[in-house]
Amino acid sequence: MAPLNPQQHCHHLHNIPISQTLLYCLTLSSFFVLSLYVFVPSSVRRLPRDHVLHIKWRAGVILGVMITAVGVYPWLFCQHTMDDADAF
């Protein structure tokens, strides 16, 4: 999905099924936890959790998860419309 430009707006969908929102929350939380084990190298995971390198890796991975979550949200929960000026 292309990023939203200033002429596009996110109009939130109404009547989103609760199952879809719960599935999104479950998927996001699972991705958050699993990413700490999948994307952090095992050599870094063996370090103590208060080690600087461990903290940097975990912070970087979580930043990636947050960016992914923000990017997926409009694709799932927004109805994209164009302004009248874009119709020409």
Protein backbone atom coordinates (compact mmCIF):
# COMPACT_ATOMS: atom_id res chain seq x y z
CA MET A 1 0.00 0.00 0.00
CA ALA A 2 1.29 3.43 -0.89
CA PRO A 3 1.71 5.91 1.96
CA LEU A 4 -0.95 8.53 2.43
CA ASN A 5 -0.11 11.83 0.80
CA PRO A 6 -1.60 15.17 1.94
CA GLN A 7 -4.50 14.80 -0.50
CA GLN A 8 -5.59 11.48 1.01
CA HIS A 9 -7.28 11.13 4.35
CA CYS A 10 -8.02 8.17 6.54
CA HIS A 11 -11.75 7.91 6.99
CA HIS A 12 -12.23 5.26 9.66
CA LEU A 13 -14.47 2.42 8.68
CA HIS A 14 -17.60 1.97 10.75
CA ASN A 15 -19.02 -1.30 11.97
CA ILE A 16 -15.70 -3.15 11.97
CA PRO A 17 -16.36 -6.68 13.22
CA ILE A 18 -15.10 -7.28 16.74
CA SER A 19 -13.43 -10.46 15.49
CA GLN A 20 -11.29 -8.42 13.08
CA THR A 21 -10.20 -5.97 15.78
CA LEU A 22 -9.42 -8.76 18.25
CA LEU A 23 -7.48 -10.65 15.60
CA TYR A 24 -5.47 -7.49 14.86
CA CYS A 25 -4.69 -7.01 18.57
CA LEU A 26 -3.73 -10.66 19.02
CA THR A 27 -1.55 -10.62 15.91
CA LEU A 28 0.14 -7.38 16.91
CA SER A 29 0.89 -8.55 20.44
CA SER A 30 2.17 -11.92 19.18
CA PHE A 31 4.35 -10.20 16.59
CA PHE A 32 5.69 -7.92 19.33
CA VAL A 33 6.75 -10.82 21.56
CA LEU A 34 7.95 -13.18 18.82
CA SER A 35 10.02 -10.46 17.16
CA LEU A 36 12.17 -10.20 20.29
CA TYR A 37 13.13 -13.87 19.85
CA VAL A 38 13.22 -14.10 16.06
CA PHE A 39 14.96 -10.87 15.04
CA VAL A 40 17.43 -10.48 17.93
CA PRO A 41 20.47 -12.69 17.22
CA SER A 42 21.05 -15.54 19.66
CA SER A 43 24.50 -14.15 20.51
CA VAL A 44 22.80 -10.96 21.73
CA ARG A 45 19.99 -12.83 23.50
CA ARG A 46 22.60 -14.68 25.59
CA LEU A 47 23.84 -11.38 27.02
CA PRO A 48 22.31 -10.07 30.26
CA ARG A 49 19.16 -8.05 29.67
CA ASP A 50 20.75 -4.92 31.08
CA HIS A 51 23.70 -5.13 28.63
CA VAL A 52 23.83 -2.09 26.31
CA LEU A 53 23.96 -4.18 23.12
CA HIS A 54 20.95 -6.24 24.21
CA ILE A 55 18.95 -3.12 24.98
CA LYS A 56 19.83 -1.52 21.62
CA TRP A 57 18.83 -4.62 19.65
CA ARG A 58 15.54 -4.98 21.50
CA ALA A 59 14.74 -1.29 21.08
CA GLY A 60 15.50 -1.46 17.35
CA VAL A 61 13.33 -4.52 16.86
CA ILE A 62 10.43 -2.95 18.75
CA LEU A 63 10.79 0.22 16.69
CA GLY A 64 10.42 -1.92 13.56
CA VAL A 65 7.31 -3.59 14.99
CA MET A 66 5.80 -0.20 15.81
CA ILE A 67 6.45 1.14 12.30
CA THR A 68 4.91 -2.00 10.81
CA ALA A 69 1.83 -1.68 13.04
CA VAL A 70 1.33 1.96 12.09
CA GLY A 71 1.72 1.09 8.41
CA VAL A 72 -0.77 -1.78 8.52
CA TYR A 73 -3.45 0.09 10.49
CA PRO A 74 -4.67 2.33 7.63
CA TRP A 75 -4.71 -0.62 5.24
CA LEU A 76 -7.08 -2.49 7.56
CA PHE A 77 -9.20 0.18 9.19
CA CYS A 78 -9.40 3.16 6.81
CA GLN A 79 -11.51 3.80 3.77
CA HIS A 80 -9.41 5.85 1.40
CA THR A 81 -11.17 8.60 -0.51
CA MET A 82 -9.84 11.34 -2.67
CA ASP A 83 -10.66 15.01 -2.24
CA ASP A 84 -12.81 16.71 -4.85
CA ALA A 85 -9.74 18.53 -6.16
CA ASP A 86 -8.13 15.17 -7.04
CA ALA A 87 -11.09 14.15 -9.20
CA PHE A 88 -10.00 16.39 -12.04
